[in-house]
């Protein structure tokens, strides 16, 4: 399999493009640069800078109301599981 040559980027140049684009008025808006969709380096940066900085709402309490109920989901290539064990205290497990 041949890797897309655009997947090898210099992260600071892409971040500069994004910063420049974000300051344009709405009428001048355009899609994200293509590299943001397929660059491994940009994905690692985005995962660390966005998804690992804040709590992320993954479900509602009523979705896992009974002991033994659980939720699974994917967030930036992490697969956490939210569970309610028999003691009723919420817990999580992250399978990477």
Protein backbone atom coordinates (compact mmCIF):
# COMPACT_ATOMS: atom_id res chain seq x y z
CA UNK A 1 0.00 0.00 0.00
CA UNK A 2 1.38 3.39 -0.97
CA UNK A 3 1.18 6.12 1.63
CA UNK A 4 -0.36 9.40 0.54
CA UNK A 5 2.55 11.84 0.15
CA UNK A 6 0.44 14.53 1.81
CA UNK A 7 0.38 12.41 4.97
CA UNK A 8 3.93 13.49 5.70
CA UNK A 9 3.50 17.06 6.85
CA UNK A 10 5.23 19.68 8.86
CA UNK A 11 2.78 20.18 11.69
CA UNK A 12 3.57 23.88 12.31
CA UNK A 13 2.67 24.75 8.69
CA UNK A 14 -0.71 23.01 8.96
CA UNK A 15 -1.42 24.69 12.29
CA UNK A 16 -0.55 28.04 10.70
CA UNK A 17 -3.00 27.32 7.85
CA UNK A 18 -5.73 26.49 10.35
CA UNK A 19 -5.02 29.62 12.39
CA UNK A 20 -5.16 31.75 9.26
CA UNK A 21 -8.41 30.13 8.09
CA UNK A 22 -10.08 30.53 11.47
CA UNK A 23 -9.64 34.29 11.40
CA UNK A 24 -11.49 34.71 8.07
CA UNK A 25 -15.06 35.98 8.02
CA UNK A 26 -17.75 33.33 7.64
CA UNK A 27 -18.41 34.29 4.01
CA UNK A 28 -14.79 33.42 3.17
CA UNK A 29 -14.82 30.09 5.00
CA UNK A 30 -13.48 26.98 3.30
CA UNK A 31 -13.01 23.34 4.28
CA UNK A 32 -10.12 22.17 6.41
CA UNK A 33 -6.93 21.38 4.49
CA UNK A 34 -7.06 17.81 3.16
CA UNK A 35 -4.02 16.83 5.21
CA UNK A 36 -6.01 17.20 8.44
CA UNK A 37 -8.07 14.17 7.41
CA UNK A 38 -5.26 11.72 6.70
CA UNK A 39 -2.08 12.82 8.42
CA UNK A 40 -0.92 10.59 11.27
CA UNK A 41 1.06 13.48 12.74
CA UNK A 42 -1.96 15.79 12.72
CA UNK A 43 -4.15 13.06 14.24
CA UNK A 44 -1.70 12.54 17.12
CA UNK A 45 -1.58 16.30 17.69
CA UNK A 46 -5.38 16.62 17.62
CA UNK A 47 -5.87 13.65 19.94
CA UNK A 48 -3.45 15.08 22.50
CA UNK A 49 -4.47 18.74 22.15
CA UNK A 50 -8.23 18.30 21.97
CA UNK A 51 -9.45 14.94 23.24
CA UNK A 52 -6.99 14.46 26.12
CA UNK A 53 -7.43 17.92 27.65
CA UNK A 54 -11.04 17.85 28.86
CA UNK A 55 -13.72 15.50 30.09
CA UNK A 56 -15.91 14.22 27.27
CA UNK A 57 -19.58 13.41 27.80
CA UNK A 58 -20.09 9.85 26.58
CA UNK A 59 -23.59 9.05 27.75
CA UNK A 60 -26.41 9.67 30.15
CA UNK A 61 -26.90 8.12 33.56
CA UNK A 62 -30.25 6.67 32.50
CA UNK A 63 -28.49 4.70 29.73
CA UNK A 64 -26.64 2.66 32.37
CA UNK A 65 -29.14 2.71 35.20
CA UNK A 66 -28.79 -0.87 36.50
CA UNK A 67 -25.86 -2.66 38.10
CA UNK A 68 -23.83 -4.40 35.43
CA UNK A 69 -24.97 -2.05 32.64
CA UNK A 70 -22.19 -0.62 30.50
CA UNK A 71 -21.45 1.68 27.54
CA UNK A 72 -18.67 1.29 25.02
CA UNK A 73 -17.54 3.86 22.48
CA UNK A 74 -14.55 5.06 20.43
CA UNK A 75 -12.89 8.40 21.11
CA UNK A 76 -9.82 9.23 19.04
CA UNK A 77 -8.80 5.55 18.81
CA UNK A 78 -9.34 4.90 22.51
CA UNK A 79 -12.08 2.48 23.52
CA UNK A 80 -13.21 3.28 27.05
CA UNK A 81 -15.95 1.29 28.76
CA UNK A 82 -18.17 2.94 31.37
CA UNK A 83 -19.63 0.49 33.87
CA UNK A 84 -21.71 0.37 37.05
CA UNK A 85 -20.41 -2.40 39.28
CA UNK A 86 -22.49 -3.96 42.03
CA UNK A 87 -21.38 -1.32 44.57
CA UNK A 88 -23.10 1.37 42.43
CA UNK A 89 -19.99 3.52 41.98
CA UNK A 90 -19.34 4.55 38.39
CA UNK A 91 -16.06 3.42 36.95
CA UNK A 92 -14.30 3.26 33.63
CA UNK A 93 -11.79 1.11 31.86
CA UNK A 94 -9.84 2.25 28.83
CA UNK A 95 -8.84 -0.38 26.28
CA UNK A 96 -6.28 1.02 23.84
